[in-house]
Amino acid sequence: MNKADLIDVIASETELTKAKAGEVVDAFIGAVTKSLKKGESVTLVGFGTFSTSKRAARKGRNPQTGEAMKIKARTVAKFRAGKSLREVVAKVK
């Protein structure tokens, strides 16, 4: 499923127009992004938690040349699925 598919599902289930559903999806993405940028986490009970994590600097290797290189430290976004989501996905075959 991509963003357009998600907008279609939201529009049909909520009787919103596709334009309004698109605004809802964009607002959700914007709110999560702003919170993560501030270093806050976003928890949706039963669905999961969006958070950030710091990765330390480390040594790596360029896969094309085999040359050793330094990889800078960075902050990355993470998602941890909630219990309800994990249980539903575990039942999928």
N, C-alpha and C. Protein backbone atom coordinates (compact mmCIF):
# COMPACT_ATOMS: atom_id res chain seq x y z
N MET A 1 0.85 -1.18 0.00
CA MET A 1 0.00 0.00 0.00
C MET A 1 0.90 1.24 0.00
N ASN A 2 0.56 2.18 -0.85
CA ASN A 2 1.29 3.45 -0.86
C ASN A 2 0.39 4.57 -0.34
N LYS A 3 0.89 5.79 -0.36
CA LYS A 3 0.15 6.92 0.20
C LYS A 3 -1.20 7.11 -0.50
N ALA A 4 -1.22 7.01 -1.80
CA ALA A 4 -2.48 7.18 -2.55
C ALA A 4 -3.50 6.10 -2.17
N ASP A 5 -3.04 4.87 -2.00
CA ASP A 5 -3.93 3.78 -1.58
C ASP A 5 -4.49 4.06 -0.18
N LEU A 6 -3.63 4.54 0.71
CA LEU A 6 -4.06 4.87 2.06
C LEU A 6 -5.12 5.97 2.04
N ILE A 7 -4.90 6.98 1.23
CA ILE A 7 -5.87 8.07 1.10
C ILE A 7 -7.20 7.54 0.59
N ASP A 8 -7.17 6.66 -0.39
CA ASP A 8 -8.40 6.06 -0.92
C ASP A 8 -9.16 5.29 0.16
N VAL A 9 -8.46 4.51 0.98
CA VAL A 9 -9.11 3.73 2.03
C VAL A 9 -9.73 4.66 3.08
N ILE A 10 -8.97 5.67 3.49
CA ILE A 10 -9.49 6.62 4.49
C ILE A 10 -10.71 7.35 3.94
N ALA A 11 -10.65 7.77 2.68
CA ALA A 11 -11.78 8.48 2.07
C ALA A 11 -13.02 7.60 2.03
N SER A 12 -12.87 6.34 1.66
CA SER A 12 -14.04 5.47 1.55
C SER A 12 -14.61 5.09 2.92
N GLU A 13 -13.74 4.89 3.92
CA GLU A 13 -14.23 4.48 5.23
C GLU A 13 -14.79 5.63 6.06
N THR A 14 -14.40 6.85 5.76
CA THR A 14 -14.86 7.99 6.56
C THR A 14 -15.81 8.90 5.81
N GLU A 15 -16.09 8.57 4.55
CA GLU A 15 -16.95 9.38 3.69
C GLU A 15 -16.40 10.80 3.49
N LEU A 16 -15.08 10.94 3.58
CA LEU A 16 -14.43 12.21 3.26
C LEU A 16 -14.09 12.21 1.77
N THR A 17 -13.88 13.39 1.23
CA THR A 17 -13.38 13.45 -0.15
C THR A 17 -11.92 13.01 -0.14
N LYS A 18 -11.43 12.64 -1.30
CA LYS A 18 -10.01 12.24 -1.38
C LYS A 18 -9.11 13.41 -1.01
N ALA A 19 -9.51 14.62 -1.36
CA ALA A 19 -8.71 15.80 -1.03
C ALA A 19 -8.61 15.97 0.49
N LYS A 20 -9.76 15.84 1.18
CA LYS A 20 -9.76 15.97 2.65
C LYS A 20 -8.98 14.83 3.30
N ALA A 21 -9.14 13.61 2.79
CA ALA A 21 -8.41 12.47 3.32
C ALA A 21 -6.90 12.67 3.13
N GLY A 22 -6.52 13.25 1.99
CA GLY A 22 -5.12 13.57 1.74
C GLY A 22 -4.58 14.57 2.75
N GLU A 23 -5.41 15.56 3.09
CA GLU A 23 -5.02 16.55 4.09
C GLU A 23 -4.84 15.89 5.46
N VAL A 24 -5.71 14.93 5.78
CA VAL A 24 -5.61 14.22 7.05
C VAL A 24 -4.31 13.43 7.11
N VAL A 25 -3.99 12.71 6.05
CA VAL A 25 -2.75 11.92 6.01
C VAL A 25 -1.55 12.85 6.12
N ASP A 26 -1.55 13.94 5.37
CA ASP A 26 -0.43 14.90 5.43
C ASP A 26 -0.30 15.51 6.82
N ALA A 27 -1.42 15.82 7.47
CA ALA A 27 -1.38 16.38 8.82
C ALA A 27 -0.80 15.38 9.81
N PHE A 28 -1.18 14.11 9.67
CA PHE A 28 -0.64 13.06 10.55
C PHE A 28 0.87 12.93 10.37
N ILE A 29 1.30 12.85 9.12
CA ILE A 29 2.73 12.73 8.83
C ILE A 29 3.48 13.94 9.37
N GLY A 30 2.92 15.13 9.18
CA GLY A 30 3.55 16.35 9.66
C GLY A 30 3.67 16.37 11.17
N ALA A 31 2.62 15.95 11.88
CA ALA A 31 2.63 15.95 13.34
C ALA A 31 3.68 14.97 13.87
N VAL A 32 3.75 13.79 13.28
CA VAL A 32 4.74 12.80 13.71
C VAL A 32 6.14 13.32 13.43
N THR A 33 6.35 13.90 12.27
CA THR A 33 7.66 14.42 11.89
C THR A 33 8.11 15.52 12.84
N LYS A 34 7.21 16.45 13.17
CA LYS A 34 7.56 17.54 14.09
C LYS A 34 7.93 17.01 15.46
N SER A 35 7.19 16.05 15.96
CA SER A 35 7.48 15.48 17.28
C SER A 35 8.84 14.78 17.28
N LEU A 36 9.12 14.00 16.24
CA LEU A 36 10.40 13.30 16.16
C LEU A 36 11.55 14.29 16.04
N LYS A 37 11.33 15.36 15.31
CA LYS A 37 12.37 16.38 15.14
C LYS A 37 12.72 17.02 16.48
N LYS A 38 11.72 17.16 17.37
CA LYS A 38 11.94 17.71 18.71
C LYS A 38 12.55 16.69 19.66
N GLY A 39 12.66 15.44 19.22
CA GLY A 39 13.19 14.39 20.07
C GLY A 39 12.13 13.69 20.89
N GLU A 40 10.87 13.97 20.62
CA GLU A 40 9.76 13.35 21.34
C GLU A 40 9.34 12.07 20.63
N SER A 41 8.67 11.19 21.36
CA SER A 41 8.14 10.00 20.72
C SER A 41 6.63 10.16 20.55
N VAL A 42 6.07 9.41 19.62
CA VAL A 42 4.63 9.43 19.37
C VAL A 42 4.11 8.02 19.58
N THR A 43 3.21 7.86 20.56
CA THR A 43 2.68 6.55 20.90
C THR A 43 1.21 6.47 20.54
N LEU A 44 0.86 5.50 19.72
CA LEU A 44 -0.53 5.21 19.38
C LEU A 44 -0.83 3.85 19.98
N VAL A 45 -1.53 3.84 21.11
CA VAL A 45 -1.77 2.62 21.87
C VAL A 45 -2.39 1.55 20.97
N GLY A 46 -1.81 0.38 21.00
CA GLY A 46 -2.28 -0.74 20.19
C GLY A 46 -1.66 -0.79 18.81
N PHE A 47 -1.22 0.36 18.30
CA PHE A 47 -0.62 0.39 16.97
C PHE A 47 0.90 0.36 17.07
N GLY A 48 1.48 1.33 17.78
CA GLY A 48 2.93 1.34 17.93
C GLY A 48 3.46 2.69 18.35
N THR A 49 4.79 2.78 18.40
CA THR A 49 5.47 3.98 18.84
C THR A 49 6.52 4.40 17.83
N PHE A 50 6.45 5.66 17.43
CA PHE A 50 7.48 6.27 16.59
C PHE A 50 8.45 6.96 17.54
N SER A 51 9.75 6.76 17.37
CA SER A 51 10.74 7.40 18.22
C SER A 51 12.02 7.61 17.43
N THR A 52 13.00 8.23 18.09
CA THR A 52 14.30 8.41 17.46
C THR A 52 15.35 7.67 18.27
N SER A 53 16.45 7.37 17.62
CA SER A 53 17.55 6.66 18.26
C SER A 53 18.85 7.22 17.70
N LYS A 54 19.86 7.32 18.55
CA LYS A 54 21.16 7.81 18.10
C LYS A 54 22.02 6.62 17.70
N ARG A 55 22.65 6.74 16.54
CA ARG A 55 23.61 5.73 16.10
C ARG A 55 24.99 6.33 16.25
N ALA A 56 25.88 5.60 16.87
CA ALA A 56 27.25 6.06 17.08
C ALA A 56 28.02 6.04 15.76
N ALA A 57 29.07 6.85 15.70
CA ALA A 57 29.96 6.81 14.54
C ALA A 57 30.64 5.44 14.53
N ARG A 58 30.92 4.96 13.34
CA ARG A 58 31.55 3.65 13.24
C ARG A 58 32.36 3.56 11.95
N LYS A 59 33.16 2.52 11.87
CA LYS A 59 33.94 2.28 10.66
C LYS A 59 33.13 1.36 9.75
N GLY A 60 33.19 1.61 8.48
CA GLY A 60 32.49 0.78 7.52
C GLY A 60 33.39 0.50 6.33
N ARG A 61 32.84 -0.12 5.33
CA ARG A 61 33.59 -0.46 4.13
C ARG A 61 32.73 -0.16 2.92
N ASN A 62 33.32 0.51 1.94
CA ASN A 62 32.63 0.79 0.69
C ASN A 62 32.46 -0.54 -0.04
N PRO A 63 31.22 -0.96 -0.30
CA PRO A 63 31.02 -2.28 -0.92
C PRO A 63 31.55 -2.38 -2.35
N GLN A 64 31.65 -1.27 -3.05
CA GLN A 64 32.14 -1.33 -4.43
C GLN A 64 33.65 -1.43 -4.50
N THR A 65 34.35 -0.69 -3.62
CA THR A 65 35.82 -0.65 -3.70
C THR A 65 36.49 -1.43 -2.58
N GLY A 66 35.77 -1.73 -1.51
CA GLY A 66 36.37 -2.41 -0.37
C GLY A 66 37.15 -1.47 0.52
N GLU A 67 37.15 -0.18 0.17
CA GLU A 67 37.92 0.83 0.91
C GLU A 67 37.27 1.11 2.27
N ALA A 68 38.11 1.21 3.32
CA ALA A 68 37.60 1.52 4.66
C ALA A 68 37.14 2.98 4.68
N MET A 69 36.05 3.23 5.43
CA MET A 69 35.53 4.60 5.51
C MET A 69 34.90 4.82 6.87
N LYS A 70 34.78 6.09 7.26
CA LYS A 70 34.14 6.44 8.52
C LYS A 70 32.68 6.78 8.24
N ILE A 71 31.78 6.26 9.07
CA ILE A 71 30.36 6.56 8.97
C ILE A 71 30.04 7.47 10.16
N LYS A 72 29.50 8.65 9.87
CA LYS A 72 29.22 9.63 10.91
C LYS A 72 28.09 9.18 11.83
N ALA A 73 28.10 9.71 13.05
CA ALA A 73 27.00 9.47 13.98
C ALA A 73 25.76 10.17 13.45
N ARG A 74 24.61 9.61 13.73
CA ARG A 74 23.37 10.23 13.25
C ARG A 74 22.20 9.81 14.11
N THR A 75 21.12 10.55 13.99
CA THR A 75 19.87 10.22 14.65
C THR A 75 18.94 9.63 13.61
N VAL A 76 18.32 8.51 13.93
CA VAL A 76 17.44 7.83 12.97
C VAL A 76 16.04 7.64 13.56
N ALA A 77 15.06 7.57 12.70
CA ALA A 77 13.67 7.32 13.13
C ALA A 77 13.47 5.82 13.30
N LYS A 78 12.67 5.46 14.31
CA LYS A 78 12.37 4.05 14.57
C LYS A 78 10.86 3.90 14.76
N PHE A 79 10.36 2.70 14.48
CA PHE A 79 8.97 2.37 14.77
C PHE A 79 8.95 1.03 15.47
N ARG A 80 8.28 0.98 16.60
CA ARG A 80 8.10 -0.28 17.32
C ARG A 80 6.62 -0.59 17.35
N ALA A 81 6.26 -1.72 16.77
CA ALA A 81 4.85 -2.12 16.70
C ALA A 81 4.30 -2.40 18.08
N GLY A 82 3.05 -2.00 18.30
CA GLY A 82 2.36 -2.26 19.56
C GLY A 82 1.87 -3.70 19.62
N LYS A 83 1.42 -4.09 20.80
CA LYS A 83 1.01 -5.48 21.03
C LYS A 83 -0.10 -5.92 20.07
N SER A 84 -1.13 -5.11 19.91
CA SER A 84 -2.25 -5.49 19.04
C SER A 84 -1.80 -5.68 17.60
N LEU A 85 -0.96 -4.77 17.10
CA LEU A 85 -0.45 -4.88 15.73
C LEU A 85 0.43 -6.12 15.58
N ARG A 86 1.29 -6.37 16.55
CA ARG A 86 2.16 -7.56 16.49
C ARG A 86 1.32 -8.82 16.44
N GLU A 87 0.25 -8.88 17.24
CA GLU A 87 -0.58 -10.08 17.27
C GLU A 87 -1.31 -10.29 15.94
N VAL A 88 -1.81 -9.21 15.34
CA VAL A 88 -2.51 -9.33 14.06
C VAL A 88 -1.54 -9.79 12.97
N VAL A 89 -0.35 -9.19 12.94
CA VAL A 89 0.63 -9.53 11.91
C VAL A 89 1.14 -10.96 12.09
N ALA A 90 1.27 -11.40 13.33
CA ALA A 90 1.76 -12.76 13.59
C ALA A 90 0.81 -13.82 13.06
N LYS A 91 -0.48 -13.47 12.94
CA LYS A 91 -1.49 -14.42 12.46
C LYS A 91 -1.51 -14.51 10.93
N VAL A 92 -0.87 -13.55 10.25
CA VAL A 92 -0.85 -13.54 8.78
C VAL A 92 0.07 -14.64 8.29
N LYS A 93 -0.39 -15.38 7.30
CA LYS A 93 0.43 -16.48 6.76
C LYS A 93 0.88 -16.17 5.37
